[in-house]
C-alpha atoms as a PDB file:
ATOM      1  CA  MET A   1      62.679  50.089 123.770  1.00  0.00           C
ATOM      2  CA  GLY A   2      64.888  49.852 126.848  1.00  0.00           C
ATOM      3  CA  ARG A   3      64.414  51.529 130.215  1.00  0.00           C
ATOM      4  CA  ALA A   4      61.744  54.217 130.037  1.00  0.00           C
ATOM      5  CA  VAL A   5      62.532  57.896 130.482  1.00  0.00           C
ATOM      6  CA  PRO A   6      61.025  59.282 133.717  1.00  0.00           C
ATOM      7  CA  LEU A   7      57.662  60.577 132.537  1.00  0.00           C
ATOM      8  CA  ARG A   8      57.607  63.853 134.480  1.00  0.00           C
ATOM      9  CA  PRO A   9      60.495  65.305 132.392  1.00  0.00           C
ATOM     10  CA  VAL A  10      58.832  63.967 129.269  1.00  0.00           C
ATOM     11  CA  ALA A  11      55.618  65.727 130.262  1.00  0.00           C
ATOM     12  CA  VAL A  12      57.447  69.025 130.573  1.00  0.00           C
ATOM     13  CA  GLY A  13      59.043  68.521 127.190  1.00  0.00           C
ATOM     14  CA  LEU A  14      55.763  67.622 125.524  1.00  0.00           C
ATOM     15  CA  ALA A  15      54.144  70.820 126.823  1.00  0.00           C
ATOM     16  CA  VAL A  16      56.216  72.913 124.397  1.00  0.00           C
ATOM     17  CA  LEU A  17      53.813  72.022 121.593  1.00  0.00           C
ATOM     18  CA  GLY A  18      51.461  74.741 122.819  1.00  0.00           C
ATOM     19  CA  ALA A  19      54.135  77.279 121.929  1.00  0.00           C
ATOM     20  CA  VAL A  20      55.020  76.226 118.386  1.00  0.00           C
ATOM     21  CA  GLY A  21      57.862  78.314 117.001  1.00  0.00           C
ATOM     22  CA  GLY A  22      58.737  79.936 120.331  1.00  0.00           C
ATOM     23  CA  PRO A  23      57.488  83.160 121.912  1.00  0.00           C
ATOM     24  CA  GLY A  24      56.561  85.775 119.378  1.00  0.00           C
ATOM     25  CA  ALA A  25      57.317  83.646 116.321  1.00  0.00           C
ATOM     26  CA  GLY A  26      55.876  85.311 113.234  1.00  0.00           C
ATOM     27  CA  ALA A  27      54.743  88.382 115.133  1.00  0.00           C
ATOM     28  CA  LEU A  28      55.443  92.013 114.359  1.00  0.00           C
ATOM     29  CA  PRO A  29      58.434  93.740 115.991  1.00  0.00           C
ATOM     30  CA  PRO A  30      57.316  95.366 119.284  1.00  0.00           C
ATOM     31  CA  ALA A  31      57.408  98.935 117.945  1.00  0.00           C
ATOM     32  CA  GLN A  32      55.301  98.055 114.889  1.00  0.00           C
ATOM     33  CA  ALA A  33      52.877  95.993 116.963  1.00  0.00           C
ATOM     34  CA  ALA A  34      52.415  98.893 119.376  1.00  0.00           C
ATOM     35  CA  GLY A  35      51.757 101.272 116.488  1.00  0.00           C
ATOM     36  CA  LEU A  36      49.229  98.904 114.947  1.00  0.00           C
ATOM     37  CA  ALA A  37      47.444  98.443 118.266  1.00  0.00           C
ATOM     38  CA  ALA A  38      47.164 102.196 118.688  1.00  0.00           C
ATOM     39  CA  LYS A  39      45.451 102.562 115.310  1.00  0.00           C
ATOM     40  CA  ALA A  40      43.156  99.523 115.428  1.00  0.00           C
ATOM     41  CA  PRO A  41      40.059  98.996 117.596  1.00  0.00           C
ATOM     42  CA  ALA A  42      40.720  96.887 120.694  1.00  0.00           C
ATOM     43  CA  ILE A  43      40.254  93.158 120.117  1.00  0.00           C
ATOM     44  CA  PRO A  44      38.288  91.345 122.856  1.00  0.00           C
ATOM     45  CA  SER A  45      40.294  89.024 125.093  1.00  0.00           C
ATOM     46  CA  ALA A  46      40.935  85.493 123.868  1.00  0.00           C
ATOM     47  CA  ALA A  47      40.749  84.122 127.427  1.00  0.00           C
ATOM     48  CA  PRO A  48      37.021  83.171 127.175  1.00  0.00           C
ATOM     49  CA  LEU A  49      37.975  80.819 124.313  1.00  0.00           C
ATOM     50  CA  LEU A  50      39.982  78.605 126.668  1.00  0.00           C
ATOM     51  CA  ILE A  51      38.547  75.411 128.098  1.00  0.00           C
ATOM     52  CA  GLY A  52      39.096  74.714 131.796  1.00  0.00           C
ATOM     53  CA  ARG A  53      39.797  71.635 133.869  1.00  0.00           C
ATOM     54  CA  SER A  54      36.068  71.023 134.267  1.00  0.00           C
ATOM     55  CA  ALA A  55      35.822  70.299 130.523  1.00  0.00           C
ATOM     56  CA  LEU A  56      38.278  67.432 130.906  1.00  0.00           C
ATOM     57  CA  GLY A  57      36.447  65.476 133.579  1.00  0.00           C
ATOM     58  CA  PRO A  58      37.411  63.859 136.904  1.00  0.00           C
ATOM     59  CA  GLY A  59      40.989  62.845 137.582  1.00  0.00           C
ATOM     60  CA  TRP A  60      42.651  65.641 135.606  1.00  0.00           C
ATOM     61  CA  THR A  61      45.088  67.970 137.364  1.00  0.00           C
ATOM     62  CA  VAL A  62      47.086  71.091 136.484  1.00  0.00           C
ATOM     63  CA  SER A  63      50.660  69.922 135.878  1.00  0.00           C
ATOM     64  CA  ALA A  64      52.095  73.287 134.755  1.00  0.00           C
ATOM     65  CA  ALA A  65      50.910  76.870 135.004  1.00  0.00           C
ATOM     66  CA  ALA A  66      49.951  78.862 131.927  1.00  0.00           C
ATOM     67  CA  PRO A  67      52.936  80.563 130.251  1.00  0.00           C
ATOM     68  CA  ARG A  68      53.515  84.224 131.012  1.00  0.00           C
ATOM     69  CA  SER A  69      53.703  85.060 127.311  1.00  0.00           C
ATOM     70  CA  VAL A  70      51.781  83.404 124.486  1.00  0.00           C
ATOM     71  CA  ALA A  71      53.582  82.296 121.337  1.00  0.00           C
ATOM     72  CA  SER A  72      52.251  83.216 117.928  1.00  0.00           C
ATOM     73  CA  LEU A  73      50.314  80.543 116.052  1.00  0.00           C
ATOM     74  CA  ALA A  74      52.628  78.217 114.091  1.00  0.00           C
ATOM     75  CA  CYS A  75      56.106  78.952 112.718  1.00  0.00           C
ATOM     76  CA  PRO A  76      57.573  82.203 111.339  1.00  0.00           C
ATOM     77  CA  GLN A  77      57.712  80.944 107.752  1.00  0.00           C
ATOM     78  CA  LEU A  78      53.976  80.245 107.758  1.00  0.00           C
ATOM     79  CA  HIS A  79      53.440  83.905 108.674  1.00  0.00           C
ATOM     80  CA  ALA A  80      55.834  85.258 106.031  1.00  0.00           C
ATOM     81  CA  ARG A  81      53.073  86.583 103.772  1.00  0.00           C
ATOM     82  CA  LEU A  82      50.886  87.874 106.584  1.00  0.00           C
ATOM     83  CA  SER A  83      50.995  91.413 107.876  1.00  0.00           C
ATOM     84  CA  GLY A  84      49.044  93.983 109.868  1.00  0.00           C
ATOM     85  CA  ALA A  85      46.118  92.695 111.902  1.00  0.00           C
ATOM     86  CA  ALA A  86      46.878  89.092 110.899  1.00  0.00           C
ATOM     87  CA  VAL A  87      49.956  89.072 113.159  1.00  0.00           C
ATOM     88  CA  ALA A  88      48.492  91.076 116.044  1.00  0.00           C
ATOM     89  CA  PRO A  89      45.663  89.012 117.562  1.00  0.00           C
ATOM     90  CA  SER A  90      44.528  88.880 121.147  1.00  0.00           C
ATOM     91  CA  ALA A  91      46.045  85.684 122.547  1.00  0.00           C
ATOM     92  CA  ALA A  92      45.669  83.491 125.632  1.00  0.00           C
ATOM     93  CA  ALA A  93      47.044  80.160 126.832  1.00  0.00           C
ATOM     94  CA  SER A  94      45.761  77.563 129.261  1.00  0.00           C
ATOM     95  CA  PRO A  95      47.737  75.696 131.904  1.00  0.00           C
ATOM     96  CA  THR A  96      48.935  72.206 131.040  1.00  0.00           C
ATOM     97  CA  PHE A  97      46.468  69.598 132.280  1.00  0.00           C
ATOM     98  CA  ALA A  98      47.479  65.985 132.974  1.00  0.00           C
ATOM     99  CA  ASP A  99      45.659  62.706 133.409  1.00  0.00           C
ATOM    100  CA  GLY A 100      48.333  60.640 135.143  1.00  0.00           C
ATOM    101  CA  SER A 101      52.117  60.537 134.931  1.00  0.00           C
ATOM    102  CA  SER A 102      52.246  59.310 131.330  1.00  0.00           C
ATOM    103  CA  GLY A 103      49.445  61.528 130.049  1.00  0.00           C
ATOM    104  CA  PRO A 104      47.562  62.504 128.148  1.00  0.00           C
ATOM    105  CA  PHE A 105      48.707  66.093 128.658  1.00  0.00           C
ATOM    106  CA  VAL A 106      46.521  68.879 127.278  1.00  0.00           C
ATOM    107  CA  THR A 107      47.170  72.557 126.635  1.00  0.00           C
ATOM    108  CA  GLN A 108      45.378  75.131 124.494  1.00  0.00           C
ATOM    109  CA  THR A 109      46.401  78.419 122.924  1.00  0.00           C
ATOM    110  CA  ALA A 110      43.664  80.693 121.569  1.00  0.00           C
ATOM    111  CA  TYR A 111      43.839  83.650 119.210  1.00  0.00           C
ATOM    112  CA  ARG A 112      41.110  86.187 118.499  1.00  0.00           C
ATOM    113  CA  TYR A 113      41.591  88.348 115.402  1.00  0.00           C
ATOM    114  CA  ALA A 114      40.166  91.707 114.409  1.00  0.00           C
ATOM    115  CA  SER A 115      37.584  90.063 112.127  1.00  0.00           C
ATOM    116  CA  ALA A 116      36.499  86.745 110.674  1.00  0.00           C
ATOM    117  CA  THR A 117      38.114  87.784 107.379  1.00  0.00           C
ATOM    118  CA  VAL A 118      41.502  88.236 109.050  1.00  0.00           C
ATOM    119  CA  ALA A 119      41.183  84.905 110.880  1.00  0.00           C
ATOM    120  CA  ALA A 120      40.328  83.148 107.605  1.00  0.00           C
ATOM    121  CA  ARG A 121      43.491  84.552 106.048  1.00  0.00           C
ATOM    122  CA  VAL A 122      45.577  83.232 108.915  1.00  0.00           C
ATOM    123  CA  TRP A 123      43.818  79.846 108.729  1.00  0.00           C
ATOM    124  CA  ARG A 124      44.706  79.473 105.064  1.00  0.00           C
ATOM    125  CA  ALA A 125      48.332  80.228 105.918  1.00  0.00           C
ATOM    126  CA  VAL A 126      48.713  77.648 108.690  1.00  0.00           C
ATOM    127  CA  ASP A 127      46.331  74.825 107.720  1.00  0.00           C
ATOM    128  CA  ARG A 128      48.676  73.029 105.340  1.00  0.00           C
ATOM    129  CA  SER A 129      51.280  70.294 105.274  1.00  0.00           C
ATOM    130  CA  ALA A 130      54.110  72.710 106.154  1.00  0.00           C
ATOM    131  CA  LEU A 131      52.713  72.791 109.687  1.00  0.00           C
ATOM    132  CA  GLU A 132      53.856  69.186 110.148  1.00  0.00           C
ATOM    133  CA  ARG A 133      57.468  70.299 109.682  1.00  0.00           C
ATOM    134  CA  CYS A 134      56.938  73.177 112.120  1.00  0.00           C
ATOM    135  CA  LEU A 135      55.675  70.835 114.822  1.00  0.00           C
ATOM    136  CA  ALA A 136      58.467  68.343 114.191  1.00  0.00           C
ATOM    137  CA  ARG A 137      61.111  71.059 114.391  1.00  0.00           C
ATOM    138  CA  THR A 138      59.651  72.284 117.687  1.00  0.00           C
ATOM    139  CA  LEU A 139      60.490  68.908 119.192  1.00  0.00           C
ATOM    140  CA  THR A 140      63.902  68.337 117.637  1.00  0.00           C
ATOM    141  CA  GLU A 141      65.124  71.847 118.501  1.00  0.00           C
ATOM    142  CA  GLY A 142      63.692  71.822 122.024  1.00  0.00           C
ATOM    143  CA  THR A 143      65.132  70.173 125.099  1.00  0.00           C
ATOM    144  CA  SER A 144      63.424  70.382 128.484  1.00  0.00           C
ATOM    145  CA  ALA A 145      64.378  68.911 131.875  1.00  0.00           C
ATOM    146  CA  GLY A 146      67.228  66.997 130.234  1.00  0.00           C
ATOM    147  CA  VAL A 147      64.955  65.263 127.722  1.00  0.00           C
ATOM    148  CA  SER A 148      65.647  65.437 123.976  1.00  0.00           C
ATOM    149  CA  PHE A 149      63.355  64.268 121.193  1.00  0.00           C
ATOM    150  CA  GLN A 150      63.992  62.547 117.873  1.00  0.00           C
ATOM    151  CA  VAL A 151      61.046  62.704 115.459  1.00  0.00           C
ATOM    152  CA  THR A 152      60.140  59.393 113.845  1.00  0.00           C
ATOM    153  CA  GLY A 153      57.030  60.448 111.926  1.00  0.00           C
ATOM    154  CA  ALA A 154      54.754  63.365 111.066  1.00  0.00           C
ATOM    155  CA  ARG A 155      51.404  63.165 109.355  1.00  0.00           C
ATOM    156  CA  ARG A 156      47.992  64.717 109.004  1.00  0.00           C
ATOM    157  CA  LEU A 157      45.135  62.803 110.621  1.00  0.00           C
ATOM    158  CA  ALA A 158      41.419  62.856 109.981  1.00  0.00           C
ATOM    159  CA  ALA A 159      39.954  65.932 111.656  1.00  0.00           C
ATOM    160  CA  PRO A 160      37.377  65.559 114.469  1.00  0.00           C
ATOM    161  CA  ALA A 161      34.491  66.156 112.016  1.00  0.00           C
ATOM    162  CA  LEU A 162      33.472  69.611 113.217  1.00  0.00           C
ATOM    163  CA  ARG A 163      32.833  71.101 109.787  1.00  0.00           C
ATOM    164  CA  GLY A 164      29.367  72.498 109.333  1.00  0.00           C
ATOM    165  CA  PRO A 165      26.947  74.735 111.201  1.00  0.00           C
ATOM    166  CA  SER A 166      26.372  72.528 114.255  1.00  0.00           C
ATOM    167  CA  VAL A 167      28.456  70.993 117.055  1.00  0.00           C
ATOM    168  CA  GLY A 168      27.010  68.280 119.267  1.00  0.00           C
ATOM    169  CA  GLY A 169      23.482  69.005 118.040  1.00  0.00           C
ATOM    170  CA  ARG A 170      23.809  72.700 118.820  1.00  0.00           C
ATOM    171  CA  ARG A 171      23.423  75.003 115.849  1.00  0.00           C
ATOM    172  CA  LEU A 172      26.229  77.554 115.712  1.00  0.00           C
ATOM    173  CA  PRO A 173      26.063  81.022 114.145  1.00  0.00           C
ATOM    174  CA  VAL A 174      29.205  80.419 112.063  1.00  0.00           C
ATOM    175  CA  ALA A 175      30.791  77.487 110.256  1.00  0.00           C
ATOM    176  CA  VAL A 176      33.607  75.619 111.982  1.00  0.00           C
ATOM    177  CA  GLU A 177      36.794  74.315 110.347  1.00  0.00           C
ATOM    178  CA  ASP A 178      39.321  72.008 111.946  1.00  0.00           C
ATOM    179  CA  ALA A 179      42.497  70.069 111.233  1.00  0.00           C
ATOM    180  CA  ARG A 180      44.600  67.523 113.120  1.00  0.00           C
ATOM    181  CA  PHE A 181      48.299  66.640 112.913  1.00  0.00           C
ATOM    182  CA  ARG A 182      50.386  64.011 114.728  1.00  0.00           C
ATOM    183  CA  ILE A 183      54.097  63.950 115.499  1.00  0.00           C
ATOM    184  CA  ALA A 184      55.643  60.673 116.693  1.00  0.00           C
ATOM    185  CA  ALA A 185      58.997  60.838 118.464  1.00  0.00           C
ATOM    186  CA  VAL A 186      61.358  59.120 120.864  1.00  0.00           C
ATOM    187  CA  GLY A 187      62.161  60.960 124.092  1.00  0.00           C
ATOM    188  CA  SER A 188      65.677  60.310 125.418  1.00  0.00           C
ATOM    189  CA  SER A 189      67.280  61.067 128.779  1.00  0.00           C
ATOM    190  CA  GLY A 190      70.428  59.557 130.233  1.00  0.00           C
ATOM    191  CA  GLY A 191      70.467  56.712 127.714  1.00  0.00           C
ATOM    192  CA  ALA A 192      66.847  55.713 128.354  1.00  0.00           C
ATOM    193  CA  GLN A 193      64.119  56.107 125.724  1.00  0.00           C
ATOM    194  CA  THR A 194      60.325  56.371 125.612  1.00  0.00           C
ATOM    195  CA  ASP A 195      57.924  56.654 122.669  1.00  0.00           C
ATOM    196  CA  VAL A 196      55.913  59.884 122.706  1.00  0.00           C
ATOM    197  CA  TRP A 197      53.200  61.387 120.527  1.00  0.00           C
ATOM    198  CA  LEU A 198      52.005  64.949 120.093  1.00  0.00           C
ATOM    199  CA  ASP A 199      48.751  65.808 118.366  1.00  0.00           C
ATOM    200  CA  ALA A 200      47.855  69.340 117.319  1.00  0.00           C
ATOM    201  CA  VAL A 201      44.172  70.031 116.686  1.00  0.00           C
ATOM    202  CA  LEU A 202      43.369  73.382 115.086  1.00  0.00           C
ATOM    203  CA  VAL A 203      39.863  74.829 115.347  1.00  0.00           C
ATOM    204  CA  HIS A 204      38.697  77.882 113.376  1.00  0.00           C
ATOM    205  CA  ALA A 205      35.348  79.614 113.883  1.00  0.00           C
ATOM    206  CA  GLY A 206      34.576  83.229 113.015  1.00  0.00           C
ATOM    207  CA  PRO A 207      37.384  85.529 114.229  1.00  0.00           C
ATOM    208  CA  ALA A 208      38.957  82.845 116.458  1.00  0.00           C
ATOM    209  CA  ILE A 209      41.563  80.120 115.964  1.00  0.00           C
ATOM    210  CA  SER A 210      42.651  77.706 118.695  1.00  0.00           C
ATOM    211  CA  GLU A 211      45.427  75.158 118.835  1.00  0.00           C
ATOM    212  CA  LEU A 212      44.788  72.190 121.121  1.00  0.00           C
ATOM    213  CA  ALA A 213      47.930  70.207 121.950  1.00  0.00           C
ATOM    214  CA  VAL A 214      47.385  66.679 123.245  1.00  0.00           C
ATOM    215  CA  SER A 215      50.505  64.697 124.058  1.00  0.00           C
ATOM    216  CA  SER A 216      51.181  61.330 125.593  1.00  0.00           C
ATOM    217  CA  ALA A 217      53.943  58.893 126.424  1.00  0.00           C
ATOM    218  CA  VAL A 218      53.749  55.134 125.896  1.00  0.00           C
ATOM    219  CA  THR A 219      50.325  55.208 124.172  1.00  0.00           C
ATOM    220  CA  VAL A 220      48.867  57.497 121.491  1.00  0.00           C
ATOM    221  CA  PRO A 221      46.546  60.335 122.551  1.00  0.00           C
ATOM    222  CA  PRO A 222      42.874  59.227 122.635  1.00  0.00           C
ATOM    223  CA  ALA A 223      40.921  60.329 119.574  1.00  0.00           C
ATOM    224  CA  ARG A 224      37.671  60.552 121.563  1.00  0.00           C
ATOM    225  CA  LEU A 225      39.254  62.987 124.014  1.00  0.00           C
ATOM    226  CA  GLU A 226      40.514  65.182 121.177  1.00  0.00           C
ATOM    227  CA  GLU A 227      37.120  65.219 119.485  1.00  0.00           C
ATOM    228  CA  ARG A 228      35.303  66.065 122.721  1.00  0.00           C
ATOM    229  CA  LEU A 229      37.661  68.934 123.545  1.00  0.00           C
ATOM    230  CA  ALA A 230      37.636  70.226 119.964  1.00  0.00           C
ATOM    231  CA  ARG A 231      33.850  70.374 120.089  1.00  0.00           C
ATOM    232  CA  ALA A 232      33.979  72.305 123.373  1.00  0.00           C
ATOM    233  CA  ILE A 233      36.443  74.763 121.843  1.00  0.00           C
ATOM    234  CA  ALA A 234      34.293  75.141 118.722  1.00  0.00           C
ATOM    235  CA  ALA A 235      31.235  75.939 120.824  1.00  0.00           C
ATOM    236  CA  ARG A 236      33.183  78.607 122.748  1.00  0.00           C
ATOM    237  CA  SER A 237      34.694  80.071 119.580  1.00  0.00           C
ATOM    238  CA  ALA A 238      31.421  80.327 117.705  1.00  0.00           C
ATOM    239  CA  SER A 239      29.265  81.683 120.536  1.00  0.00           C
END
């Protein structure tokens, strides 16, 4: 579709998927969050839920550092009926990893809640078709490094088949749920255009929920990569 957009700017733009809704979207106001934290037991760090470069294999590099602040999971409207501990998890984000100039690009955000019951309530709020519109809006409203995006499609894909008590032959102490969504778009810069895709894979196990963002230019993100990484996240979340 014409001269391709330089892929480095596209990569930067695609990385915003790990911060759906922007920093703090759907979270409590700072004063209320501080008051809640003072009353509730400390939640363990979500950092151990993150996969590292070693999980990706040879050839992968860090293309962008982890963000200084971690966005809330999904969009504000999906959090509208949530309150208290459901909007005050421990959160962590990975760097953006890249396998070449056109991708895939991978980033993960992880959230650990006060209990499995709270996490299940959040999961029910975000695991629905409205999330497709959230992801699409993240692209259309975001511009990075001079690249803008026009969404051409949004749909739910078959999940990586993690449901059940085992992952990769390893029996886990809790059941795992997962979901996968794809946004197709055209990235534009200076009159040039490139097809891009962003997949969001959600993994829920016990008190933890992770969002794995896999994006790519020119070709769709590999399903086998997404399944392998989702299984690694599930094993970390359920251990």
